Amino acid sequence: MLVPEVPEWKDLRLEPELTLPTVRAGLRTLRQLEATDDGPYGLIGFSFGAPQVMIASAQDDIAENVAGTVGFGGYCDIGRMVRFQMTGEFEWSGVAHRVRPDPYGRWIMAGNHLVSIPEYQDAKDVAHALRRLAMEAGERRILAWDPSYDVLKEVLRRGVTPDRRWLFDVFAPLSDRKADPKQARRLAEQLSEAAGKASPLLDPLPYLSRIRPPVHLLHGRNDYLIPYTETLRMAEAFPREKSVETTITALLAHSGDSSRLSSVRTEIREGLKLARALSRVLAIA
């Protein structure tokens, strides 16, 4: 297995333009290693990387070297994803749902693209503070809504220009407070639109019909960062003739969850489901 290191992604900079050169370099490296054969290989992406490997698999020169493409916990529609991150709202088959979203996702999105919104192009202080919060959450590996972040939020907030502190508060309210829902929905719409214009490669939808390798999609049902319905949505977006394996399980999630499943029987059932899915994934190459 080869996991390329992309410094920009480690620094939580969403630069999808780096995907294709990184995948191509990875494939060249695998072919050159004595311990590996000449392919084809499995291509796997997690979270933000899931839609990116779909886009990569739509490129002819990459597809001919890929035996199968796997996406864990990805998104299909950037607008729906950002709305969920800002409000916790999502829907499927006409049924609306709402949960408490992990704010880590919106901190990353705003840290990268808040200044892409024309109205907030001068809000670099807010964007910097939110990316700093996201970096801290990544290092602590504690849910980003935990009260332990409140001290850092207050410190970072003081470094924001006073007339923009309300904007920081929408993205990063203290743990015992909630952002104004109308402001959150409006910013979600602005942020997703601006991000899509600034980085068109954030959108996997135009590429799905061109993917040749078999596709496996997996997602956690209790995911608080990207809702599992985004994986269902992606599976439905492929052409009907495309073979897509989809697994939704309670045993996967971006964020740690201390809650247990309802029964031992449920745990066994979910464990077997996940084991079968991983077996199919490992068999692709």
C-alpha atoms as a PDB file:
ATOM      1  CA  MET A   1       0.000   0.000   0.000  1.00  0.00           C
ATOM      2  CA  LEU A   2       1.228   3.486  -0.863  1.00  0.00           C
ATOM      3  CA  VAL A   3      -0.105   6.600   0.900  1.00  0.00           C
ATOM      4  CA  PRO A   4       1.293   9.750  -0.753  1.00  0.00           C
ATOM      5  CA  GLU A   5       2.077  12.637   1.554  1.00  0.00           C
ATOM      6  CA  VAL A   6       0.609  15.914   0.334  1.00  0.00           C
ATOM      7  CA  PRO A   7       1.854  18.767   2.584  1.00  0.00           C
ATOM      8  CA  GLU A   8      -1.009  21.055   1.621  1.00  0.00           C
ATOM      9  CA  TRP A   9      -3.618  18.481   2.650  1.00  0.00           C
ATOM     10  CA  LYS A  10      -1.821  17.812   5.925  1.00  0.00           C
ATOM     11  CA  ASP A  11      -2.124  21.548   6.569  1.00  0.00           C
ATOM     12  CA  LEU A  12      -5.886  21.300   5.843  1.00  0.00           C
ATOM     13  CA  ARG A  13      -5.616  23.291   2.639  1.00  0.00           C
ATOM     14  CA  LEU A  14      -8.257  22.056   0.202  1.00  0.00           C
ATOM     15  CA  GLU A  15      -6.360  22.040  -3.066  1.00  0.00           C
ATOM     16  CA  PRO A  16      -8.024  19.410  -5.278  1.00  0.00           C
ATOM     17  CA  GLU A  17      -5.808  20.473  -8.163  1.00  0.00           C
ATOM     18  CA  LEU A  18      -3.080  18.374  -6.515  1.00  0.00           C
ATOM     19  CA  THR A  19      -5.078  15.140  -6.795  1.00  0.00           C
ATOM     20  CA  LEU A  20      -4.263  14.106 -10.351  1.00  0.00           C
ATOM     21  CA  PRO A  21      -0.496  14.755 -10.232  1.00  0.00           C
ATOM     22  CA  THR A  22      -0.338  13.012  -6.854  1.00  0.00           C
ATOM     23  CA  VAL A  23      -2.199   9.913  -8.059  1.00  0.00           C
ATOM     24  CA  ARG A  24      -0.124   9.747 -11.225  1.00  0.00           C
ATOM     25  CA  ALA A  25       3.097  10.033  -9.232  1.00  0.00           C
ATOM     26  CA  GLY A  26       1.867   7.327  -6.855  1.00  0.00           C
ATOM     27  CA  LEU A  27       1.141   4.942  -9.724  1.00  0.00           C
ATOM     28  CA  ARG A  28       4.598   5.553 -11.215  1.00  0.00           C
ATOM     29  CA  THR A  29       6.188   4.873  -7.847  1.00  0.00           C
ATOM     30  CA  LEU A  30       4.292   1.608  -7.354  1.00  0.00           C
ATOM     31  CA  ARG A  31       5.391   0.350 -10.749  1.00  0.00           C
ATOM     32  CA  GLN A  32       9.014   1.137  -9.894  1.00  0.00           C
ATOM     33  CA  LEU A  33       9.057  -0.609  -6.510  1.00  0.00           C
ATOM     34  CA  GLU A  34      10.555  -4.089  -6.541  1.00  0.00           C
ATOM     35  CA  ALA A  35       8.092  -5.307  -3.908  1.00  0.00           C
ATOM     36  CA  THR A  36       5.041  -4.544  -6.062  1.00  0.00           C
ATOM     37  CA  ASP A  37       3.794  -5.876  -9.353  1.00  0.00           C
ATOM     38  CA  ASP A  38       2.847  -3.831 -12.402  1.00  0.00           C
ATOM     39  CA  GLY A  39      -0.772  -3.422 -11.388  1.00  0.00           C
ATOM     40  CA  PRO A  40      -3.551  -2.719 -11.792  1.00  0.00           C
ATOM     41  CA  TYR A  41      -3.914  -1.222  -8.324  1.00  0.00           C
ATOM     42  CA  GLY A  42      -6.707  -0.245  -5.955  1.00  0.00           C
ATOM     43  CA  LEU A  43      -7.349   3.476  -5.506  1.00  0.00           C
ATOM     44  CA  ILE A  44      -8.819   4.476  -2.135  1.00  0.00           C
ATOM     45  CA  GLY A  45      -9.913   7.892  -0.851  1.00  0.00           C
ATOM     46  CA  PHE A  46     -11.169   8.900   2.583  1.00  0.00           C
ATOM     47  CA  SER A  47     -13.496  11.846   3.326  1.00  0.00           C
ATOM     48  CA  PHE A  48     -12.392  14.766   1.121  1.00  0.00           C
ATOM     49  CA  GLY A  49     -10.281  12.241  -0.767  1.00  0.00           C
ATOM     50  CA  ALA A  50     -13.265  10.054  -1.688  1.00  0.00           C
ATOM     51  CA  PRO A  51     -14.718  12.318  -4.393  1.00  0.00           C
ATOM     52  CA  GLN A  52     -11.162  13.095  -5.468  1.00  0.00           C
ATOM     53  CA  VAL A  53     -10.374   9.462  -6.302  1.00  0.00           C
ATOM     54  CA  MET A  54     -13.630   9.335  -8.282  1.00  0.00           C
ATOM     55  CA  ILE A  55     -12.423  12.278 -10.354  1.00  0.00           C
ATOM     56  CA  ALA A  56      -9.023  10.621 -10.787  1.00  0.00           C
ATOM     57  CA  SER A  57     -10.627   7.370 -11.953  1.00  0.00           C
ATOM     58  CA  ALA A  58     -12.395   9.278 -14.703  1.00  0.00           C
ATOM     59  CA  GLN A  59      -9.032  10.039 -16.346  1.00  0.00           C
ATOM     60  CA  ASP A  60      -8.163   7.481 -19.033  1.00  0.00           C
ATOM     61  CA  ASP A  61      -4.459   7.220 -18.208  1.00  0.00           C
ATOM     62  CA  ILE A  62      -5.238   6.587 -14.536  1.00  0.00           C
ATOM     63  CA  ALA A  63      -8.209   4.271 -15.125  1.00  0.00           C
ATOM     64  CA  GLU A  64      -6.114   1.841 -17.186  1.00  0.00           C
ATOM     65  CA  ASN A  65      -3.912   1.277 -14.120  1.00  0.00           C
ATOM     66  CA  VAL A  66      -6.722   1.001 -11.550  1.00  0.00           C
ATOM     67  CA  ALA A  67      -8.531  -2.243 -10.736  1.00  0.00           C
ATOM     68  CA  GLY A  68     -11.133  -0.569  -8.535  1.00  0.00           C
ATOM     69  CA  THR A  69     -11.952   2.700  -6.797  1.00  0.00           C
ATOM     70  CA  VAL A  70     -13.042   2.954  -3.164  1.00  0.00           C
ATOM     71  CA  GLY A  71     -14.557   5.930  -1.351  1.00  0.00           C
ATOM     72  CA  PHE A  72     -14.928   6.022   2.447  1.00  0.00           C
ATOM     73  CA  GLY A  73     -17.173   8.721   3.956  1.00  0.00           C
ATOM     74  CA  GLY A  74     -17.216  11.002   0.927  1.00  0.00           C
ATOM     75  CA  TYR A  75     -19.640  13.597  -0.339  1.00  0.00           C
ATOM     76  CA  CYS A  76     -21.503  13.928  -3.612  1.00  0.00           C
ATOM     77  CA  ASP A  77     -22.989  17.432  -3.482  1.00  0.00           C
ATOM     78  CA  ILE A  78     -20.812  20.148  -1.963  1.00  0.00           C
ATOM     79  CA  GLY A  79     -23.815  22.387  -1.279  1.00  0.00           C
ATOM     80  CA  ARG A  80     -25.637  19.707   0.717  1.00  0.00           C
ATOM     81  CA  MET A  81     -22.458  18.829   2.579  1.00  0.00           C
ATOM     82  CA  VAL A  82     -21.763  22.418   3.656  1.00  0.00           C
ATOM     83  CA  ARG A  83     -25.389  22.965   4.648  1.00  0.00           C
ATOM     84  CA  PHE A  84     -25.145  19.899   6.885  1.00  0.00           C
ATOM     85  CA  GLN A  85     -21.890  21.131   8.416  1.00  0.00           C
ATOM     86  CA  MET A  86     -23.425  24.511   9.192  1.00  0.00           C
ATOM     87  CA  THR A  87     -26.885  23.393  10.346  1.00  0.00           C
ATOM     88  CA  GLY A  88     -26.947  19.617  10.847  1.00  0.00           C
ATOM     89  CA  GLU A  89     -29.798  19.399   8.334  1.00  0.00           C
ATOM     90  CA  PHE A  90     -29.967  16.689   5.666  1.00  0.00           C
ATOM     91  CA  GLU A  91     -32.637  14.749   3.834  1.00  0.00           C
ATOM     92  CA  TRP A  92     -33.179  11.541   1.929  1.00  0.00           C
ATOM     93  CA  SER A  93     -36.181  10.316  -0.030  1.00  0.00           C
ATOM     94  CA  GLY A  94     -38.180  13.338   1.031  1.00  0.00           C
ATOM     95  CA  VAL A  95     -37.548  12.789   4.750  1.00  0.00           C
ATOM     96  CA  ALA A  96     -35.783  15.595   6.627  1.00  0.00           C
ATOM     97  CA  HIS A  97     -33.268  14.839   9.373  1.00  0.00           C
ATOM     98  CA  ARG A  98     -31.270  16.946  11.765  1.00  0.00           C
ATOM     99  CA  VAL A  99     -28.378  16.073  14.068  1.00  0.00           C
ATOM    100  CA  ARG A 100     -25.670  18.019  15.825  1.00  0.00           C
ATOM    101  CA  PRO A 101     -22.865  18.363  13.228  1.00  0.00           C
ATOM    102  CA  ASP A 102     -19.193  18.132  14.049  1.00  0.00           C
ATOM    103  CA  PRO A 103     -17.981  21.743  13.517  1.00  0.00           C
ATOM    104  CA  TYR A 104     -14.560  20.499  12.352  1.00  0.00           C
ATOM    105  CA  GLY A 105     -15.859  20.303   8.766  1.00  0.00           C
ATOM    106  CA  ARG A 106     -17.131  23.872   8.600  1.00  0.00           C
ATOM    107  CA  TRP A 107     -13.921  25.160  10.182  1.00  0.00           C
ATOM    108  CA  ILE A 108     -11.958  23.558   7.344  1.00  0.00           C
ATOM    109  CA  MET A 109     -14.302  24.814   4.636  1.00  0.00           C
ATOM    110  CA  ALA A 110     -14.354  28.366   5.983  1.00  0.00           C
ATOM    111  CA  GLY A 111     -10.628  28.307   6.655  1.00  0.00           C
ATOM    112  CA  ASN A 112     -10.112  27.628   2.962  1.00  0.00           C
ATOM    113  CA  HIS A 113     -12.941  29.451   1.231  1.00  0.00           C
ATOM    114  CA  LEU A 114     -14.503  32.102   3.459  1.00  0.00           C
ATOM    115  CA  VAL A 115     -12.453  34.739   1.628  1.00  0.00           C
ATOM    116  CA  SER A 116     -13.702  33.324  -1.691  1.00  0.00           C
ATOM    117  CA  ILE A 117     -17.085  34.872  -0.835  1.00  0.00           C
ATOM    118  CA  PRO A 118     -16.983  38.388  -2.340  1.00  0.00           C
ATOM    119  CA  GLU A 119     -18.677  39.849   0.724  1.00  0.00           C
ATOM    120  CA  TYR A 120     -15.979  38.432   3.025  1.00  0.00           C
ATOM    121  CA  GLN A 121     -12.846  38.653   0.905  1.00  0.00           C
ATOM    122  CA  ASP A 122     -11.218  40.789   3.613  1.00  0.00           C
ATOM    123  CA  ALA A 123     -12.056  38.346   6.428  1.00  0.00           C
ATOM    124  CA  LYS A 124      -8.644  36.684   6.404  1.00  0.00           C
ATOM    125  CA  ASP A 125      -8.450  36.979  10.176  1.00  0.00           C
ATOM    126  CA  VAL A 126     -11.624  34.896  10.579  1.00  0.00           C
ATOM    127  CA  ALA A 127     -10.475  32.309   8.037  1.00  0.00           C
ATOM    128  CA  HIS A 128      -7.084  32.008   9.719  1.00  0.00           C
ATOM    129  CA  ALA A 129      -8.657  31.582  13.167  1.00  0.00           C
ATOM    130  CA  LEU A 130     -11.014  28.861  11.951  1.00  0.00           C
ATOM    131  CA  ARG A 131      -8.253  26.927  10.214  1.00  0.00           C
ATOM    132  CA  ARG A 132      -6.223  27.182  13.411  1.00  0.00           C
ATOM    133  CA  LEU A 133      -9.160  25.649  15.300  1.00  0.00           C
ATOM    134  CA  ALA A 134      -9.389  22.826  12.774  1.00  0.00           C
ATOM    135  CA  MET A 135      -5.668  22.124  13.048  1.00  0.00           C
ATOM    136  CA  GLU A 136      -5.976  21.953  16.828  1.00  0.00           C
ATOM    137  CA  ALA A 137      -8.930  19.559  16.590  1.00  0.00           C
ATOM    138  CA  GLY A 138      -6.937  17.340  14.255  1.00  0.00           C
ATOM    139  CA  GLU A 139      -4.062  17.227  16.706  1.00  0.00           C
ATOM    140  CA  ARG A 140      -6.211  16.615  19.807  1.00  0.00           C
ATOM    141  CA  ARG A 141      -8.437  14.016  18.122  1.00  0.00           C
ATOM    142  CA  ILE A 142     -11.304  15.107  20.364  1.00  0.00           C
ATOM    143  CA  LEU A 143     -14.732  15.925  18.946  1.00  0.00           C
ATOM    144  CA  ALA A 144     -14.651  19.553  17.834  1.00  0.00           C
ATOM    145  CA  TRP A 145     -17.819  20.422  19.779  1.00  0.00           C
ATOM    146  CA  ASP A 146     -16.125  19.508  23.072  1.00  0.00           C
ATOM    147  CA  PRO A 147     -16.043  22.302  25.706  1.00  0.00           C
ATOM    148  CA  SER A 148     -12.261  21.947  25.933  1.00  0.00           C
ATOM    149  CA  TYR A 149     -11.969  24.094  22.778  1.00  0.00           C
ATOM    150  CA  ASP A 150     -13.769  27.065  24.348  1.00  0.00           C
ATOM    151  CA  VAL A 151     -10.609  28.636  25.770  1.00  0.00           C
ATOM    152  CA  LEU A 152      -8.909  28.538  22.369  1.00  0.00           C
ATOM    153  CA  LYS A 153     -12.050  29.923  20.700  1.00  0.00           C
ATOM    154  CA  GLU A 154     -12.026  32.918  23.038  1.00  0.00           C
ATOM    155  CA  VAL A 155      -8.319  33.533  22.393  1.00  0.00           C
ATOM    156  CA  LEU A 156      -8.740  33.329  18.619  1.00  0.00           C
ATOM    157  CA  ARG A 157     -11.881  35.460  18.701  1.00  0.00           C
ATOM    158  CA  ARG A 158      -9.973  38.283  20.395  1.00  0.00           C
ATOM    159  CA  GLY A 159      -7.593  38.287  17.436  1.00  0.00           C
ATOM    160  CA  VAL A 160     -10.450  38.917  14.996  1.00  0.00           C
ATOM    161  CA  THR A 161     -11.416  42.440  13.977  1.00  0.00           C
ATOM    162  CA  PRO A 162     -14.319  43.433  16.305  1.00  0.00           C
ATOM    163  CA  ASP A 163     -16.820  44.054  13.528  1.00  0.00           C
ATOM    164  CA  ARG A 164     -16.220  40.525  12.191  1.00  0.00           C
ATOM    165  CA  ARG A 165     -16.445  38.629  15.471  1.00  0.00           C
ATOM    166  CA  TRP A 166     -20.087  37.814  14.774  1.00  0.00           C
ATOM    167  CA  LEU A 167     -18.880  35.917  11.690  1.00  0.00           C
ATOM    168  CA  PHE A 168     -16.444  33.885  13.746  1.00  0.00           C
ATOM    169  CA  ASP A 169     -19.277  33.131  16.188  1.00  0.00           C
ATOM    170  CA  VAL A 170     -21.475  31.652  13.461  1.00  0.00           C
ATOM    171  CA  PHE A 171     -18.792  29.100  12.627  1.00  0.00           C
ATOM    172  CA  ALA A 172     -17.379  28.576  16.123  1.00  0.00           C
ATOM    173  CA  PRO A 173     -19.813  29.446  18.917  1.00  0.00           C
ATOM    174  CA  LEU A 174     -18.873  28.411  22.422  1.00  0.00           C
ATOM    175  CA  SER A 175     -19.960  24.879  23.287  1.00  0.00           C
ATOM    176  CA  ASP A 176     -23.034  26.036  25.257  1.00  0.00           C
ATOM    177  CA  ARG A 177     -24.286  28.340  22.492  1.00  0.00           C
ATOM    178  CA  LYS A 178     -25.742  27.976  19.018  1.00  0.00           C
ATOM    179  CA  ALA A 179     -25.334  30.076  15.910  1.00  0.00           C
ATOM    180  CA  ASP A 180     -28.314  31.908  14.466  1.00  0.00           C
ATOM    181  CA  PRO A 181     -29.959  29.398  12.068  1.00  0.00           C
ATOM    182  CA  LYS A 182     -30.725  31.986   9.382  1.00  0.00           C
ATOM    183  CA  GLN A 183     -27.150  33.240   9.370  1.00  0.00           C
ATOM    184  CA  ALA A 184     -25.844  29.668   9.269  1.00  0.00           C
ATOM    185  CA  ARG A 185     -28.023  28.726   6.276  1.00  0.00           C
ATOM    186  CA  ARG A 186     -27.110  31.878   4.379  1.00  0.00           C
ATOM    187  CA  LEU A 187     -23.401  31.358   4.975  1.00  0.00           C
ATOM    188  CA  ALA A 188     -23.695  27.708   3.958  1.00  0.00           C
ATOM    189  CA  GLU A 189     -25.145  28.742   0.618  1.00  0.00           C
ATOM    190  CA  GLN A 190     -22.537  31.451   0.083  1.00  0.00           C
ATOM    191  CA  LEU A 191     -19.641  29.245   1.145  1.00  0.00           C
ATOM    192  CA  SER A 192     -20.538  26.259  -1.028  1.00  0.00           C
ATOM    193  CA  GLU A 193     -21.141  28.472  -4.060  1.00  0.00           C
ATOM    194  CA  ALA A 194     -17.860  30.342  -3.594  1.00  0.00           C
ATOM    195  CA  ALA A 195     -15.862  27.155  -2.983  1.00  0.00           C
ATOM    196  CA  GLY A 196     -17.303  25.553  -6.116  1.00  0.00           C
ATOM    197  CA  LYS A 197     -16.355  28.544  -8.243  1.00  0.00           C
ATOM    198  CA  ALA A 198     -12.871  28.844  -6.749  1.00  0.00           C
ATOM    199  CA  SER A 199     -12.143  25.085  -6.998  1.00  0.00           C
ATOM    200  CA  PRO A 200     -14.371  23.340  -9.583  1.00  0.00           C
ATOM    201  CA  LEU A 201     -12.581  20.045  -8.840  1.00  0.00           C
ATOM    202  CA  LEU A 202     -14.373  19.929  -5.489  1.00  0.00           C
ATOM    203  CA  ASP A 203     -17.434  18.725  -7.440  1.00  0.00           C
ATOM    204  CA  PRO A 204     -17.279  15.035  -8.452  1.00  0.00           C
ATOM    205  CA  LEU A 205     -20.648  14.900 -10.223  1.00  0.00           C
ATOM    206  CA  PRO A 206     -19.451  15.808 -13.762  1.00  0.00           C
ATOM    207  CA  TYR A 207     -16.973  12.908 -13.675  1.00  0.00           C
ATOM    208  CA  LEU A 208     -19.025   9.982 -12.388  1.00  0.00           C
ATOM    209  CA  SER A 209     -20.350   8.898 -15.793  1.00  0.00           C
ATOM    210  CA  ARG A 210     -16.772   8.540 -17.105  1.00  0.00           C
ATOM    211  CA  ILE A 211     -15.427   6.223 -14.386  1.00  0.00           C
ATOM    212  CA  ARG A 212     -14.428   2.830 -15.792  1.00  0.00           C
ATOM    213  CA  PRO A 213     -13.090   0.817 -12.800  1.00  0.00           C
ATOM    214  CA  PRO A 214     -15.524  -0.889 -10.388  1.00  0.00           C
ATOM    215  CA  VAL A 215     -16.587   1.383  -7.519  1.00  0.00           C
ATOM    216  CA  HIS A 216     -17.037   0.595  -3.820  1.00  0.00           C
ATOM    217  CA  LEU A 217     -18.602   3.189  -1.503  1.00  0.00           C
ATOM    218  CA  LEU A 218     -18.673   2.937   2.292  1.00  0.00           C
ATOM    219  CA  HIS A 219     -20.039   5.335   4.905  1.00  0.00           C
ATOM    220  CA  GLY A 220     -20.879   5.458   8.580  1.00  0.00           C
ATOM    221  CA  ARG A 221     -24.564   5.799   9.397  1.00  0.00           C
ATOM    222  CA  ASN A 222     -23.796   7.968  12.440  1.00  0.00           C
ATOM    223  CA  ASP A 223     -21.350  10.300  10.720  1.00  0.00           C
ATOM    224  CA  TYR A 224     -21.490  13.840  12.148  1.00  0.00           C
ATOM    225  CA  LEU A 225     -19.108  15.372   9.597  1.00  0.00           C
ATOM    226  CA  ILE A 226     -20.559  14.224   6.277  1.00  0.00           C
ATOM    227  CA  PRO A 227     -23.978  12.523   6.359  1.00  0.00           C
ATOM    228  CA  TYR A 228     -24.223   8.963   5.043  1.00  0.00           C
ATOM    229  CA  THR A 229     -26.868  10.135   2.596  1.00  0.00           C
ATOM    230  CA  GLU A 230     -24.087  11.731   0.541  1.00  0.00           C
ATOM    231  CA  THR A 231     -22.747   8.268  -0.264  1.00  0.00           C
ATOM    232  CA  LEU A 232     -26.249   7.080  -1.167  1.00  0.00           C
ATOM    233  CA  ARG A 233     -26.607  10.160  -3.358  1.00  0.00           C
ATOM    234  CA  MET A 234     -23.316   9.437  -5.104  1.00  0.00           C
ATOM    235  CA  ALA A 235     -24.317   5.830  -5.759  1.00  0.00           C
ATOM    236  CA  GLU A 236     -27.557   7.025  -7.374  1.00  0.00           C
ATOM    237  CA  ALA A 237     -25.693   9.576  -9.508  1.00  0.00           C
ATOM    238  CA  PHE A 238     -23.785   6.916 -11.441  1.00  0.00           C
ATOM    239  CA  PRO A 239     -25.241   5.670 -14.732  1.00  0.00           C
ATOM    240  CA  ARG A 240     -27.615   2.749 -14.157  1.00  0.00           C
ATOM    241  CA  GLU A 241     -25.381   0.311 -15.982  1.00  0.00           C
ATOM    242  CA  LYS A 242     -22.444   1.064 -13.658  1.00  0.00           C
ATOM    243  CA  SER A 243     -21.667  -1.516 -10.982  1.00  0.00           C
ATOM    244  CA  VAL A 244     -21.418   0.256  -7.631  1.00  0.00           C
ATOM    245  CA  GLU A 245     -21.141  -1.580  -4.301  1.00  0.00           C
ATOM    246  CA  THR A 246     -22.509   0.513  -1.423  1.00  0.00           C
ATOM    247  CA  THR A 247     -22.205  -0.215   2.305  1.00  0.00           C
ATOM    248  CA  ILE A 248     -23.717   1.917   5.071  1.00  0.00           C
ATOM    249  CA  THR A 249     -22.726   0.730   8.530  1.00  0.00           C
ATOM    250  CA  ALA A 250     -22.902   1.916  12.117  1.00  0.00           C
ATOM    251  CA  LEU A 251     -19.248   0.923  12.575  1.00  0.00           C
ATOM    252  CA  LEU A 252     -17.678   3.737  10.544  1.00  0.00           C
ATOM    253  CA  ALA A 253     -17.579   7.482  11.222  1.00  0.00           C
ATOM    254  CA  HIS A 254     -15.326  10.499  10.836  1.00  0.00           C
ATOM    255  CA  SER A 255     -15.782  11.487  14.463  1.00  0.00           C
ATOM    256  CA  GLY A 256     -15.392   9.284  17.514  1.00  0.00           C
ATOM    257  CA  ASP A 257     -18.666   8.243  19.111  1.00  0.00           C
ATOM    258  CA  SER A 258     -18.781   6.683  22.559  1.00  0.00           C
ATOM    259  CA  SER A 259     -22.329   5.344  22.142  1.00  0.00           C
ATOM    260  CA  ARG A 260     -22.762   1.581  21.733  1.00  0.00           C
ATOM    261  CA  LEU A 261     -25.045  -0.180  19.328  1.00  0.00           C
ATOM    262  CA  SER A 262     -28.465  -1.216  20.608  1.00  0.00           C
ATOM    263  CA  SER A 263     -27.619  -4.881  21.149  1.00  0.00           C
ATOM    264  CA  VAL A 264     -24.932  -7.530  20.757  1.00  0.00           C
ATOM    265  CA  ARG A 265     -26.931  -8.943  17.851  1.00  0.00           C
ATOM    266  CA  THR A 266     -26.779  -5.572  16.113  1.00  0.00           C
ATOM    267  CA  GLU A 267     -23.039  -5.334  16.726  1.00  0.00           C
ATOM    268  CA  ILE A 268     -22.504  -8.776  15.204  1.00  0.00           C
ATOM    269  CA  ARG A 269     -24.693  -7.964  12.206  1.00  0.00           C
ATOM    270  CA  GLU A 270     -22.905  -4.672  11.565  1.00  0.00           C
ATOM    271  CA  GLY A 271     -19.522  -6.319  12.061  1.00  0.00           C
ATOM    272  CA  LEU A 272     -20.293  -8.979   9.467  1.00  0.00           C
ATOM    273  CA  LYS A 273     -21.581  -6.378   7.042  1.00  0.00           C
ATOM    274  CA  LEU A 274     -18.393  -4.349   7.368  1.00  0.00           C
ATOM    275  CA  ALA A 275     -16.182  -7.445   7.125  1.00  0.00           C
ATOM    276  CA  ARG A 276     -17.862  -8.485   3.868  1.00  0.00           C
ATOM    277  CA  ALA A 277     -17.441  -4.983   2.451  1.00  0.00           C
ATOM    278  CA  LEU A 278     -13.769  -4.812   3.400  1.00  0.00           C
ATOM    279  CA  SER A 279     -13.222  -8.269   1.913  1.00  0.00           C
ATOM    280  CA  ARG A 280     -14.600  -7.023  -1.411  1.00  0.00           C
ATOM    281  CA  VAL A 281     -12.415  -3.937  -1.201  1.00  0.00           C
ATOM    282  CA  LEU A 282      -9.258  -5.936  -0.521  1.00  0.00           C
ATOM    283  CA  ALA A 283     -10.060  -8.264  -3.418  1.00  0.00           C
ATOM    284  CA  ILE A 284     -10.132  -5.566  -6.080  1.00  0.00           C
ATOM    285  CA  ALA A 285      -6.371  -5.622  -6.707  1.00  0.00           C
END
